[in-house]
Protein backbone atom coordinates (compact mmCIF):
# COMPACT_ATOMS: atom_id res chain seq x y z
CA MET A 1 0.00 0.00 0.00
CA THR A 2 2.88 2.37 0.65
CA SER A 3 6.09 2.82 -1.26
CA GLU A 4 8.48 2.92 1.66
CA VAL A 5 8.96 1.94 5.29
CA THR A 6 6.41 3.52 7.60
CA PRO A 7 7.70 6.82 9.03
CA HIS A 8 7.93 7.64 12.73
CA LEU A 9 5.76 10.44 14.05
CA GLN A 10 5.32 11.86 17.54
CA PRO A 11 5.76 9.07 20.16
CA VAL A 12 2.52 7.57 21.48
CA PRO A 13 1.74 5.55 24.61
CA THR A 14 3.17 2.20 23.53
CA ASN A 15 6.49 3.70 22.46
CA GLY A 16 9.43 4.04 24.79
CA PRO A 17 10.73 1.83 27.60
CA ASP A 18 7.29 0.49 28.47
CA ALA A 19 6.43 -0.49 24.88
CA SER A 20 7.26 -4.14 25.33
CA SER A 21 5.28 -4.26 28.56
CA ALA A 22 2.23 -2.78 26.85
CA VAL A 23 2.48 -5.34 24.06
CA ASP A 24 2.95 -8.19 26.55
CA THR A 25 -0.16 -7.10 28.44
CA ALA A 26 -2.22 -6.79 25.27
CA LEU A 27 -1.21 -10.26 24.08
CA ALA A 28 -1.91 -11.79 27.48
CA ASP A 29 -5.39 -10.23 27.36
CA LEU A 30 -5.93 -11.70 23.92
CA ALA A 31 -4.82 -15.15 25.00
CA ALA A 32 -7.59 -15.08 27.58
CA GLY A 33 -9.99 -13.41 25.15
CA GLU A 34 -9.53 -16.22 22.64
CA HIS A 35 -11.34 -18.58 25.02
CA THR A 36 -14.20 -16.09 25.37
CA TRP A 37 -14.41 -15.65 21.61
CA GLY A 38 -14.45 -19.40 21.03
CA ARG A 39 -17.44 -19.80 23.34
CA LEU A 40 -19.53 -17.23 21.48
CA GLY A 41 -22.10 -18.61 19.09
CA LEU A 42 -22.98 -17.14 15.71
CA ALA A 43 -25.91 -15.14 17.11
CA ASP A 44 -23.69 -13.50 19.74
CA ARG A 45 -21.04 -12.68 17.15
CA ARG A 46 -23.64 -11.20 14.85
CA ALA A 47 -24.91 -9.06 17.71
CA LEU A 48 -21.38 -7.71 18.25
CA LEU A 49 -21.13 -6.77 14.57
CA GLU A 50 -24.51 -5.07 14.70
CA ARG A 51 -23.47 -3.11 17.78
CA MET A 52 -20.31 -1.92 16.01
CA HIS A 53 -22.42 -1.01 12.99
CA ALA A 54 -24.54 1.27 15.18
CA LEU A 55 -21.45 2.77 16.82
CA THR A 56 -19.87 3.47 13.43
CA THR A 57 -22.99 5.33 12.37
CA THR A 58 -22.97 7.35 15.59
CA HIS A 59 -19.29 8.33 15.30
CA ALA A 60 -19.05 8.68 11.51
CA GLN A 61 -18.75 12.48 11.58
CA GLU A 62 -16.05 12.29 14.26
CA TRP A 63 -14.22 9.76 12.07
CA VAL A 64 -14.32 12.00 8.98
CA THR A 65 -13.25 15.07 10.97
CA ALA A 66 -10.19 13.21 12.29
CA ALA A 67 -9.33 11.87 8.83
CA ALA A 68 -9.62 15.35 7.33
CA SER A 69 -7.19 16.69 9.93
CA ILE A 70 -4.68 13.99 9.02
CA LYS A 71 -4.89 14.85 5.33
CA GLY A 72 -5.11 18.62 5.64
CA LEU A 73 -8.53 18.87 4.00
CA ASP A 74 -10.67 21.97 4.43
CA PRO A 75 -13.96 21.14 6.20
CA SER A 76 -15.83 22.63 3.24
CA SER A 77 -13.90 20.71 0.57
CA SER A 78 -15.75 18.37 -1.79
CA LEU A 79 -12.77 16.03 -1.30
CA LEU A 80 -14.23 15.07 2.08
CA GLY A 81 -16.34 12.68 0.06
CA GLU A 82 -13.27 10.48 -0.19
CA GLU A 83 -13.09 10.24 3.59
CA TRP A 84 -16.78 9.42 3.98
CA LEU A 85 -16.68 6.66 1.37
CA SER A 86 -13.30 5.13 2.15
CA GLY A 87 -13.83 5.51 5.90
CA PRO A 88 -17.09 4.87 7.79
CA TYR A 89 -19.06 3.94 4.66
CA SER A 90 -16.63 1.11 3.85
CA LEU A 91 -16.65 -0.23 7.40
CA LEU A 92 -20.46 -0.09 7.56
CA GLY A 93 -20.62 -2.16 4.39
CA GLY A 94 -18.24 -4.73 5.83
CA LEU A 95 -20.04 -4.98 9.15
CA GLY A 96 -23.47 -5.19 7.55
CA THR A 97 -22.52 -7.90 5.06
CA LEU A 98 -20.62 -9.94 7.65
CA ALA A 99 -23.68 -9.78 9.91
CA HIS A 100 -25.80 -11.03 7.01
CA THR A 101 -23.34 -13.88 6.45
CA LEU A 102 -23.43 -14.95 10.10
CA SER A 103 -27.22 -14.74 10.07
CA ALA A 104 -27.36 -17.13 7.10
CA LEU A 105 -24.99 -19.58 8.79
CA GLU A 106 -26.98 -19.30 12.00
CA ALA A 107 -30.09 -20.37 10.07
CA GLY A 108 -28.24 -23.33 8.55
CA ASP A 109 -27.98 -21.71 5.09
CA SER A 110 -25.01 -20.95 2.89
CA PRO A 111 -24.12 -17.24 2.60
CA LEU A 112 -24.25 -17.90 -1.15
CA ALA A 113 -27.68 -19.51 -1.14
CA GLY A 114 -29.41 -16.61 -2.86
CA VAL A 115 -26.70 -15.23 -5.11
CA LYS A 116 -26.41 -15.55 -8.88
CA PHE A 117 -23.75 -17.87 -10.30
CA GLY A 118 -22.22 -17.86 -13.77
CA THR A 119 -19.23 -19.09 -15.73
CA ALA A 120 -16.02 -17.58 -17.05
CA PRO A 121 -13.28 -18.86 -19.38
CA GLY A 122 -10.98 -21.59 -18.15
CA GLY A 123 -13.57 -23.64 -16.29
CA ARG A 124 -14.24 -20.91 -13.75
CA THR A 125 -17.42 -20.38 -11.75
CA THR A 126 -18.41 -16.79 -10.99
CA VAL A 127 -20.35 -15.41 -8.02
CA SER A 128 -22.31 -12.19 -8.44
CA VAL A 129 -21.59 -10.03 -5.39
CA LEU A 130 -22.88 -6.64 -6.61
CA PRO A 131 -25.72 -5.83 -6.61
CA LEU A 132 -27.01 -8.04 -3.81
CA ASN A 133 -30.28 -6.20 -3.12
CA ASN A 134 -32.65 -3.63 -4.56
CA PHE A 135 -30.97 -0.73 -2.80
CA GLU A 136 -27.65 -1.55 -4.50
CA LYS A 137 -29.42 -1.91 -7.85
CA LEU A 138 -30.64 1.68 -7.48
CA LEU A 139 -27.68 3.35 -5.80
CA LEU A 140 -25.05 1.72 -8.02
CA ASN A 141 -27.16 1.30 -11.12
CA GLY A 142 -25.06 0.07 -14.01
CA PHE A 143 -22.26 -1.21 -11.79
CA SER A 144 -21.67 -4.87 -10.99
CA ALA A 145 -19.04 -7.12 -9.46
CA GLU A 146 -18.32 -10.83 -9.73
CA VAL A 147 -15.90 -12.97 -7.78
CA TRP A 148 -14.25 -15.49 -10.08
CA LEU A 149 -13.40 -18.75 -8.34
CA ARG A 150 -10.29 -20.74 -9.11
CA PRO A 151 -10.68 -23.18 -12.00
CA GLY A 152 -12.49 -26.37 -11.08
CA ILE A 153 -14.53 -25.03 -8.13
CA ASP A 154 -18.21 -25.55 -8.92
CA ARG A 155 -21.34 -23.91 -7.52
CA ALA A 156 -22.12 -26.68 -5.04
CA THR A 157 -18.60 -26.59 -3.61
CA ALA A 158 -18.69 -22.80 -3.33
CA GLN A 159 -21.99 -22.88 -1.46
CA ARG A 160 -20.84 -25.66 0.84
CA THR A 161 -17.52 -24.04 1.79
CA ALA A 162 -18.69 -20.42 2.10
CA GLY A 163 -18.37 -19.36 5.71
CA LEU A 164 -14.69 -20.22 6.20
CA ALA A 165 -13.83 -20.38 9.91
CA GLN A 166 -17.40 -19.56 10.94
CA LEU A 167 -18.46 -23.01 9.78
CA ASP A 168 -16.95 -24.12 13.11
CA PRO A 169 -16.85 -21.04 15.35
CA THR A 170 -15.57 -22.99 18.36
CA ARG A 171 -12.28 -23.77 16.61
CA THR A 172 -10.12 -20.70 17.18
CA ALA A 173 -6.71 -20.10 15.61
CA GLY A 174 -4.70 -18.12 18.13
CA ILE A 175 -3.60 -14.51 17.99
CA GLY A 176 -3.18 -12.54 14.80
CA VAL A 177 -1.35 -9.23 14.41
CA VAL A 178 -2.67 -6.65 11.97
CA LEU A 179 -0.31 -3.85 10.97
CA GLY A 180 -2.64 -1.11 9.75
CA ALA A 181 -2.31 1.11 6.70
CA GLY A 182 -1.38 4.79 6.77
CA ASN A 183 -3.48 6.02 3.86
CA ILE A 184 -7.10 4.74 3.83
CA SER A 185 -8.74 4.90 7.24
CA SER A 186 -11.06 1.88 6.97
CA ILE A 187 -8.30 -0.59 6.08
CA ALA A 188 -7.12 -1.28 9.64
CA PRO A 189 -10.55 -2.10 11.16
CA LEU A 190 -11.64 -4.05 8.07
CA ASP A 191 -8.47 -6.15 8.13
CA ALA A 192 -8.91 -6.81 11.85
CA LEU A 193 -12.49 -7.96 11.23
CA TYR A 194 -11.36 -10.33 8.50
CA GLU A 195 -8.76 -11.94 10.75
CA LEU A 196 -11.36 -12.36 13.47
CA ILE A 197 -14.23 -13.66 11.33
CA ALA A 198 -12.59 -15.43 8.37
CA PHE A 199 -9.88 -17.13 10.44
CA ASN A 200 -11.24 -17.09 14.00
CA ARG A 201 -8.13 -15.35 15.29
CA VAL A 202 -8.28 -12.72 18.02
CA VAL A 203 -6.43 -9.61 16.94
CA ALA A 204 -3.75 -7.19 18.07
CA LEU A 205 -4.31 -4.22 15.76
CA LYS A 206 -1.39 -1.82 15.55
CA LEU A 207 -2.23 1.47 13.88
CA ASN A 208 0.12 3.17 11.48
CA PRO A 209 1.41 6.32 13.25
CA ILE A 210 -0.17 8.50 10.56
CA MET A 211 -3.57 7.25 11.70
CA ASP A 212 -3.04 7.87 15.42
CA PRO A 213 -5.58 10.76 15.48
CA LEU A 214 -8.25 8.14 14.69
CA LEU A 215 -7.45 6.07 17.79
CA PRO A 216 -10.22 7.68 19.94
CA VAL A 217 -12.77 6.95 17.21
CA PHE A 218 -11.67 3.35 16.77
CA GLU A 219 -11.72 2.82 20.53
CA LYS A 220 -15.41 3.77 20.54
CA ILE A 221 -16.43 1.87 17.40
CA LEU A 222 -14.51 -1.33 18.21
CA ALA A 223 -15.35 -1.32 21.93
CA PRO A 224 -17.61 -4.42 21.71
CA LEU A 225 -14.62 -6.51 20.59
CA VAL A 226 -12.23 -4.86 23.02
CA ASP A 227 -14.60 -5.46 25.92
CA ILE A 228 -14.62 -9.24 25.41
CA GLY A 229 -10.85 -9.45 24.88
CA ALA A 230 -11.06 -10.31 21.16
CA LEU A 231 -9.25 -7.16 20.05
CA ARG A 232 -6.52 -4.90 21.37
CA LEU A 233 -5.54 -1.57 19.81
CA LEU A 234 -1.86 -0.61 19.85
CA THR A 235 0.05 2.43 18.65
CA GLY A 236 3.70 3.18 18.15
CA GLY A 237 6.46 3.08 15.60
CA ALA A 238 8.47 0.38 13.88
CA ASP A 239 10.03 -0.73 17.18
CA VAL A 240 6.61 -1.68 18.55
CA GLY A 241 5.70 -3.44 15.31
CA THR A 242 8.94 -5.42 15.30
CA TYR A 243 8.51 -6.56 18.89
CA LEU A 244 4.89 -7.42 18.24
CA VAL A 245 5.27 -9.55 15.11
CA ASN A 246 8.15 -11.53 16.60
CA HIS A 247 6.39 -12.22 19.91
CA ASP A 248 6.05 -15.86 20.90
CA ARG A 249 2.32 -15.48 21.56
CA VAL A 250 1.60 -14.32 18.00
CA ASP A 251 0.50 -16.98 15.51
CA HIS A 252 -0.06 -14.96 12.35
CA VAL A 253 0.78 -11.55 10.88
CA HIS A 254 -1.19 -9.53 8.36
CA MET A 255 0.16 -6.25 7.03
CA THR A 256 -0.80 -3.52 4.61
CA GLY A 257 2.15 -1.59 3.25
CA SER A 258 4.85 -1.90 0.65
CA ALA A 259 6.93 -4.83 -0.55
CA ILE A 260 9.93 -3.02 0.97
CA THR A 261 8.32 -3.01 4.41
CA HIS A 262 7.18 -6.62 3.98
CA ASP A 263 10.70 -7.77 3.14
CA ALA A 264 12.17 -5.87 6.09
CA ILE A 265 9.73 -7.67 8.40
CA VAL A 266 10.23 -11.11 6.88
CA PHE A 267 13.95 -11.07 6.04
CA GLY A 268 15.31 -8.10 7.97
CA PRO A 269 16.54 -4.74 6.65
CA GLY A 270 19.63 -3.78 4.71
CA PRO A 271 22.14 -5.93 2.81
CA ASP A 272 21.81 -8.81 5.27
CA GLY A 273 18.06 -8.87 4.70
CA ALA A 274 18.57 -8.81 0.94
CA ALA A 275 20.94 -11.76 1.21
CA ARG A 276 18.46 -13.71 3.31
CA LYS A 277 15.71 -12.93 0.79
CA ALA A 278 17.88 -14.16 -2.08
CA ALA A 279 18.44 -17.40 -0.17
CA ASN A 280 14.78 -17.51 0.99
CA ARG A 281 15.84 -17.70 4.66
CA PRO A 282 13.22 -15.61 6.50
CA ILE A 283 13.77 -14.49 10.06
CA LEU A 284 9.98 -14.30 10.54
CA THR A 285 8.98 -17.95 10.35
CA LYS A 286 5.30 -17.55 11.24
CA GLU A 287 2.76 -17.22 8.46
CA ILE A 288 2.26 -13.74 7.02
CA SER A 289 -0.43 -12.43 4.69
CA SER A 290 -0.30 -9.02 3.07
CA GLU A 291 -1.93 -6.44 0.86
CA LEU A 292 0.80 -4.43 -0.84
CA GLY A 293 1.10 -1.94 -3.64
CA GLY A 294 2.39 -2.06 -7.17
CA VAL A 295 2.09 -0.18 -10.43
CA SER A 296 -1.50 -0.30 -11.65
CA PRO A 297 -2.23 0.13 -15.36
CA THR A 298 -5.26 1.52 -17.14
CA ILE A 299 -5.70 0.05 -20.62
CA VAL A 300 -7.64 2.29 -23.02
CA LEU A 301 -9.13 0.32 -25.91
CA PRO A 302 -9.13 2.40 -29.12
CA GLY A 303 -12.52 3.17 -30.61
CA GLU A 304 -14.82 5.93 -31.82
CA TRP A 305 -15.30 8.35 -28.91
CA SER A 306 -17.28 11.56 -28.76
CA ARG A 307 -15.77 14.70 -27.28
CA ALA A 308 -17.92 14.20 -24.17
CA ASP A 309 -16.66 10.60 -23.90
CA ILE A 310 -13.06 11.76 -24.01
CA GLU A 311 -13.54 14.44 -21.36
CA PHE A 312 -15.47 12.14 -19.01
CA GLN A 313 -12.98 9.28 -19.29
CA ALA A 314 -10.06 11.69 -18.90
CA GLU A 315 -11.61 12.77 -15.57
CA HIS A 316 -12.10 9.08 -14.75
CA VAL A 317 -8.42 8.28 -15.32
CA ALA A 318 -7.32 11.42 -13.47
CA THR A 319 -9.42 10.26 -10.51
CA GLN A 320 -7.74 6.85 -10.60
CA ARG A 321 -4.44 8.67 -10.01
CA LEU A 322 -5.43 11.67 -7.88
CA HIS A 323 -7.94 10.16 -5.43
CA ASN A 324 -6.34 10.54 -1.99
CA SER A 325 -3.63 12.52 -3.82
CA GLY A 326 -2.28 9.32 -5.34
CA TYR A 327 -1.55 7.64 -1.99
CA ASN A 328 -3.51 4.51 -2.85
CA CYS A 329 -2.13 1.04 -3.42
CA VAL A 330 -4.37 0.72 -6.47
CA ALA A 331 -3.95 4.22 -7.88
CA SER A 332 -3.48 3.98 -11.63
CA GLN A 333 0.04 5.04 -12.54
CA VAL A 334 0.34 4.16 -16.22
CA VAL A 335 -2.12 4.62 -19.09
CA VAL A 336 -1.64 2.11 -21.90
CA LEU A 337 -2.69 3.55 -25.28
CA SER A 338 -2.59 2.46 -28.90
CA SER A 339 -0.24 4.69 -30.89
CA GLU A 340 -2.52 3.99 -33.86
CA TRP A 341 -5.62 5.37 -32.13
CA LYS A 342 -6.64 8.40 -34.15
CA GLN A 343 -7.92 10.14 -30.99
CA ARG A 344 -4.73 9.53 -29.03
CA ASP A 345 -3.65 13.20 -29.02
CA GLU A 346 -7.11 14.40 -28.08
CA PHE A 347 -7.31 12.00 -25.14
CA ILE A 348 -3.87 12.92 -23.79
CA ALA A 349 -4.76 16.62 -24.02
CA ALA A 350 -7.96 15.98 -22.06
CA LEU A 351 -6.07 13.93 -19.48
CA ARG A 352 -3.51 16.70 -19.09
CA ALA A 353 -6.31 19.22 -18.52
CA ALA A 354 -8.07 16.98 -16.01
CA LEU A 355 -4.90 16.43 -14.01
CA ASP A 356 -4.16 20.16 -14.07
CA ARG A 357 -7.57 21.44 -12.93
CA ALA A 358 -8.40 18.86 -10.26
CA PRO A 359 -8.81 20.36 -6.77
CA ALA A 360 -5.57 21.31 -5.05
CA ARG A 361 -4.53 19.43 -1.94
CA ALA A 362 -1.61 19.16 0.44
CA PRO A 363 0.93 16.33 0.04
CA TYR A 364 0.20 14.83 3.48
CA TYR A 365 1.91 11.48 3.05
CA PRO A 366 5.59 11.55 4.11
CA GLY A 367 8.08 11.37 1.27
CA SER A 368 5.63 12.45 -1.44
CA ASP A 369 7.65 15.46 -2.63
CA ARG A 370 10.81 13.36 -2.83
CA ARG A 371 9.07 10.70 -4.90
CA VAL A 372 7.73 13.36 -7.28
CA SER A 373 11.28 14.69 -7.62
CA ASP A 374 12.57 11.18 -8.27
CA ALA A 375 10.07 10.80 -11.10
CA THR A 376 11.02 14.10 -12.75
CA ALA A 377 14.71 13.29 -12.34
CA THR A 378 14.17 10.01 -14.17
CA TYR A 379 12.01 11.71 -16.81
CA PRO A 380 13.28 15.32 -17.27
CA SER A 381 10.69 16.02 -19.97
CA ALA A 382 7.81 15.33 -17.56
CA GLU A 383 5.19 18.06 -17.19
CA ARG A 384 4.47 19.64 -13.79
CA LEU A 385 0.76 20.32 -13.47
CA GLY A 386 -1.74 21.65 -10.94
CA ASP A 387 -1.47 24.44 -8.41
CA GLY A 388 2.20 24.50 -7.40
CA GLY A 389 3.20 21.91 -9.99
CA GLY A 390 2.83 19.00 -7.57
CA ARG A 391 1.41 16.64 -10.20
CA VAL A 392 3.44 14.98 -12.91
CA LEU A 393 2.46 13.73 -16.36
CA ILE A 394 4.98 11.70 -18.34
CA THR A 395 4.28 11.23 -22.06
CA ASP A 396 5.99 10.74 -25.43
CA LEU A 397 8.41 8.10 -24.21
CA ASP A 398 10.41 5.67 -26.32
CA PRO A 399 9.79 2.01 -25.43
CA GLY A 400 13.29 1.77 -24.01
CA GLU A 401 12.34 4.37 -21.40
CA TYR A 402 9.26 2.55 -20.06
CA ALA A 403 10.87 0.31 -17.45
CA PRO A 404 11.26 2.72 -14.47
CA LEU A 405 7.67 3.91 -14.86
CA LEU A 406 6.33 0.35 -14.94
CA GLN A 407 8.46 -0.96 -12.11
CA THR A 408 8.54 1.89 -9.56
CA GLU A 409 5.47 2.57 -7.43
CA TYR A 410 5.74 6.32 -6.95
CA PHE A 411 2.89 6.52 -4.40
CA ALA A 412 2.40 10.17 -5.31
CA PRO A 413 0.52 12.17 -7.96
CA VAL A 414 2.66 10.85 -10.84
CA MET A 415 1.05 9.47 -14.00
CA GLY A 416 2.64 8.23 -17.20
CA VAL A 417 1.48 7.18 -20.65
CA ILE A 418 2.96 4.39 -22.74
CA GLU A 419 1.97 3.41 -26.25
CA LEU A 420 1.80 0.12 -28.12
CA PRO A 421 1.92 0.09 -31.96
CA TYR A 422 -1.14 -2.09 -32.44
CA SER A 423 -4.90 -1.73 -32.92
CA GLY A 424 -8.00 -3.87 -32.45
CA THR A 425 -7.55 -7.38 -31.09
CA ALA A 426 -3.77 -7.18 -31.54
CA PHE A 427 -3.65 -4.17 -29.20
CA ALA A 428 -5.80 -5.92 -26.60
CA ALA A 429 -3.56 -9.00 -26.67
CA LYS A 430 -0.34 -6.97 -26.46
CA ALA A 431 -1.73 -4.82 -23.65
CA VAL A 432 -2.51 -7.94 -21.61
CA GLN A 433 0.97 -9.34 -22.24
CA THR A 434 2.59 -6.03 -21.24
CA ALA A 435 0.49 -5.72 -18.07
CA ASN A 436 1.30 -9.28 -17.02
CA GLU A 437 4.99 -9.32 -17.83
CA GLU A 438 6.35 -5.79 -17.49
CA PHE A 439 4.43 -4.16 -14.62
CA THR A 440 5.32 -4.59 -10.97
CA GLY A 441 2.46 -5.87 -8.84
CA THR A 442 -0.82 -7.68 -9.44
CA LEU A 443 -3.33 -5.83 -7.25
CA GLY A 444 -5.54 -4.09 -9.79
CA ILE A 445 -5.95 -3.13 -13.44
CA ASN A 446 -8.51 -0.96 -15.24
CA ILE A 447 -9.83 -1.34 -18.79
CA ILE A 448 -11.75 1.41 -20.58
CA GLY A 449 -13.59 0.91 -23.85
CA THR A 450 -16.85 1.76 -25.53
CA PRO A 451 -19.62 -0.85 -25.37
CA SER A 452 -19.33 -1.28 -29.15
CA THR A 453 -15.59 -1.91 -28.95
CA ILE A 454 -16.06 -4.51 -26.23
CA LYS A 455 -18.87 -6.12 -28.22
CA GLU A 456 -16.66 -6.30 -31.31
CA LEU A 457 -13.98 -8.12 -29.32
CA GLY A 458 -16.62 -10.63 -28.22
CA GLU A 459 -15.22 -13.79 -26.66
CA LYS A 460 -11.72 -12.40 -27.04
CA PHE A 461 -12.59 -9.76 -24.47
CA ASP A 462 -13.65 -12.43 -21.97
CA SER A 463 -10.41 -14.27 -22.69
CA MET A 464 -8.55 -11.01 -22.13
CA LEU A 465 -10.02 -10.76 -18.63
CA ALA A 466 -9.17 -14.39 -17.90
CA ASP A 467 -5.59 -13.95 -19.07
CA LEU A 468 -4.90 -10.91 -16.87
CA ARG A 469 -3.15 -11.90 -13.65
CA TYR A 470 -4.61 -9.27 -11.32
CA GLY A 471 -6.62 -9.55 -8.11
CA THR A 472 -9.20 -6.99 -9.22
CA ILE A 473 -10.07 -6.05 -12.80
CA ALA A 474 -12.32 -3.06 -13.50
CA VAL A 475 -14.08 -2.63 -16.83
CA ASN A 476 -15.24 0.96 -17.37
CA ALA A 477 -14.89 1.44 -13.63
CA TRP A 478 -12.05 1.94 -11.17
CA THR A 479 -10.75 -1.05 -9.22
CA ALA A 480 -11.33 0.92 -6.01
CA LEU A 481 -15.02 0.05 -6.41
CA GLY A 482 -13.90 -3.51 -5.65
CA PHE A 483 -12.41 -2.18 -2.41
CA LEU A 484 -15.68 -0.42 -1.55
CA THR A 485 -17.75 -3.54 -2.27
CA ALA A 486 -17.73 -5.46 1.01
CA SER A 487 -18.80 -8.73 -0.59
CA ALA A 488 -15.99 -8.61 -3.16
CA THR A 489 -12.50 -9.95 -2.55
CA TRP A 490 -9.54 -7.61 -2.29
CA GLY A 491 -5.90 -8.56 -2.68
CA ALA A 492 -3.21 -9.59 -5.11
CA PHE A 493 -3.60 -12.30 -7.72
CA PRO A 494 -2.94 -15.63 -5.96
CA GLY A 495 0.39 -17.40 -6.14
CA HIS A 496 2.95 -14.99 -4.69
CA THR A 497 5.46 -16.16 -2.10
CA VAL A 498 7.32 -14.40 0.69
CA ASP A 499 10.50 -14.19 -1.39
CA ASP A 500 8.62 -12.75 -4.41
CA VAL A 501 5.68 -11.06 -2.73
CA GLN A 502 4.70 -8.55 -5.45
CA SER A 503 1.31 -7.14 -4.30
CA GLY A 504 0.88 -9.54 -1.41
CA ILE A 505 -0.43 -12.88 -0.26
CA GLY A 506 -4.06 -13.65 0.57
CA ILE A 507 -7.25 -11.60 0.41
CA VAL A 508 -9.36 -9.43 2.70
CA HIS A 509 -12.92 -8.01 2.75
CA ASN A 510 -14.80 -10.98 1.18
CA ALA A 511 -17.69 -10.50 3.61
CA LEU A 512 -19.62 -13.45 2.15
CA LEU A 513 -16.65 -15.57 3.30
CA ILE A 514 -16.18 -17.20 -0.10
CA ASP A 515 -13.59 -19.97 -0.25
CA GLY A 516 -11.37 -20.45 -3.32
CA ALA A 517 -11.63 -16.95 -4.79
CA GLU A 518 -9.20 -16.03 -7.56
CA ARG A 519 -10.15 -12.47 -8.48
CA THR A 520 -12.92 -9.88 -8.58
CA VAL A 521 -14.17 -8.36 -11.85
CA VAL A 522 -15.96 -5.01 -11.55
CA ARG A 523 -17.93 -3.46 -14.40
CA GLY A 524 -19.44 -0.01 -14.85
CA PRO A 525 -21.10 2.16 -17.50
CA PHE A 526 -18.90 3.84 -20.12
CA ARG A 527 -21.02 6.97 -20.01
CA PRO A 528 -22.87 8.73 -17.16
CA LEU A 529 -26.52 9.69 -17.11
CA SER A 530 -28.06 10.97 -19.38
CA ARG A 531 -25.67 10.11 -22.21
CA SER A 532 -25.75 6.49 -21.06
CA LEU A 533 -29.46 6.15 -21.89
CA ILE A 534 -29.15 8.08 -25.14
CA SER A 535 -26.41 5.72 -26.31
CA GLY A 536 -28.31 2.58 -25.28
CA GLU A 537 -26.54 1.76 -22.00
CA MET A 538 -29.04 0.68 -19.35
CA SER A 539 -27.59 2.80 -16.54
CA ILE A 540 -28.95 5.77 -14.62
CA SER A 541 -25.74 6.51 -12.70
CA PRO A 542 -24.48 10.10 -12.83
CA LYS A 543 -20.84 11.03 -12.36
CA PRO A 544 -19.67 8.74 -9.51
CA PRO A 545 -19.10 10.42 -6.14
CA TRP A 546 -15.50 9.16 -6.00
CA PHE A 547 -14.51 11.34 -8.98
CA VAL A 548 -12.15 14.07 -7.76
CA THR A 549 -14.09 16.49 -9.97
CA ASN A 550 -17.45 15.68 -8.37
CA LYS A 551 -18.70 18.95 -6.84
CA THR A 552 -21.10 17.31 -4.38
CA ALA A 553 -18.91 14.36 -3.39
CA ALA A 554 -18.86 15.39 0.29
CA SER A 555 -22.63 15.72 0.65
CA THR A 556 -23.28 12.56 -1.37
CA GLY A 557 -20.71 10.61 0.64
CA LYS A 558 -22.23 11.76 3.93
CA LEU A 559 -25.74 10.85 2.76
CA LEU A 560 -24.57 7.43 1.54
CA THR A 561 -22.91 6.78 4.89
CA ALA A 562 -26.08 7.67 6.77
CA PHE A 563 -28.00 5.36 4.44
CA ALA A 564 -25.53 2.51 5.03
CA GLY A 565 -26.02 3.04 8.75
CA ALA A 566 -29.82 2.77 8.52
CA PRO A 567 -31.13 1.97 5.02
CA SER A 568 -34.48 3.50 4.18
CA TRP A 569 -36.40 4.25 1.00
CA THR A 570 -37.08 7.75 2.35
CA LYS A 571 -33.36 8.57 2.23
CA LEU A 572 -32.99 7.83 -1.49
CA PRO A 573 -34.38 11.12 -2.93
CA ALA A 574 -31.80 13.24 -1.10
CA ILE A 575 -28.98 10.94 -2.23
CA PHE A 576 -30.11 11.07 -5.87
CA ALA A 577 -30.55 14.84 -5.75
CA SER A 578 -27.04 15.35 -4.38
CA ALA A 579 -25.51 12.86 -6.83
CA LEU A 580 -27.15 14.49 -9.84
CA ARG A 581 -25.70 17.88 -8.87
CA GLY A 582 -22.18 16.41 -8.87
């Protein structure tokens, strides 16, 4: 998720000479709490989730205010919509769907009993996870998500195995450590919930120091788990994290961060750590799962686009880079174009304009300015855009210059464009090969194309999706929608190992507790309302609230969060009215 080792901020209570004592006490509490957790039935666990759901609703404004202070956002900024959606809204979705899953298991049903199944190339079964109800059909009209299972897993097996550790809630699995992220505020509590529910492990959750201002909020929201000893919240720097993950009482580690941080934890830092990695001799011998970053591509399929299409999709791609100022593990860093596309110049000009006029924001994440400077040093012809020139656009490169852009996660507002000398099906095939073989990481990839272009590709487009080795694929959407969808899976493409971790090992979210997931495929409309209906797309979605250019993103995000806290048909008109003004 981050491009470098987590920085140290102002010391917090578990730092200093008493840090080890605080960790020891927390882990002793969890050892006792594991017995309590193991005695709780599904109904009691569901009640805990429902209580946290209510508490999240109550403290949502406090959460967003704290997140805004971390990121230097003005209280009146439309960018607060990012904090509503990627903060309390995301956690509410996770809690609500997990409670639904436990309710189904409690009744003796599979969590997948009522979902739609399908097929995908390569003998894969698909599970429709968005929309799951009529509210989602209305609020995210035109958007969908499917979890693709690994080849050979059929519908009956998927239904039988859904539920993971909650199929036997009495069988606990020790203590897990979660090292929280420093960029998106819902990641830490969502990851802790997944450890607890999917694996039946009680959790020591250590916050990233950047997120320390959210500690009072998390203490209130997560109190039901803390009270029974199933969760302990810890703060502190790398010294606390190191002591924690190596503690004898800890059975498993999950982290969100960078491959650099992962390798330092698993193999140790510096040249000695590099030597141990080369020999695959880890110093951390307990199991570790991870969600890491990478360089995410956006493939633009050439076709016949209107001027409005070009401007809208340029804003879409700019959002994929500039949301949260580029400090996202799945922020798109490289646009893959056809050099033979006759509208290539027009699209790049629109992308340049969208990057330049997006709302200004402070570079809150440590090291951002240095990483921007590194990018411009590597590419001296890069353009500096935006207020103060803090954004970078890299274009007109020779193929021999591509490698640093494709292999360095800048974790900053840096975007590049590469071109492939192909068109039609040949371009699609070469873009897939390039994404699989030349880009670092496998977390997420975006594909943009007109409905007619995708229809012309036919079965070859489905094969294109199957051939891509990414954990989340978004078609005419941004992969971050997969993050926001609680029932979808989130994580790298399966198969990485600790000595070649890429974008990580394992998945999170997955609130339907699906076993055997391979990837999530998200789809959205190419055009917003009303052009979608005029052009024959059956979608009534306006400009999505996660667009950085959405003028009412803050009000829409707040209304959506209130709706997620207590769904009601009476709340829909205000949401639609706000969204349409965006």
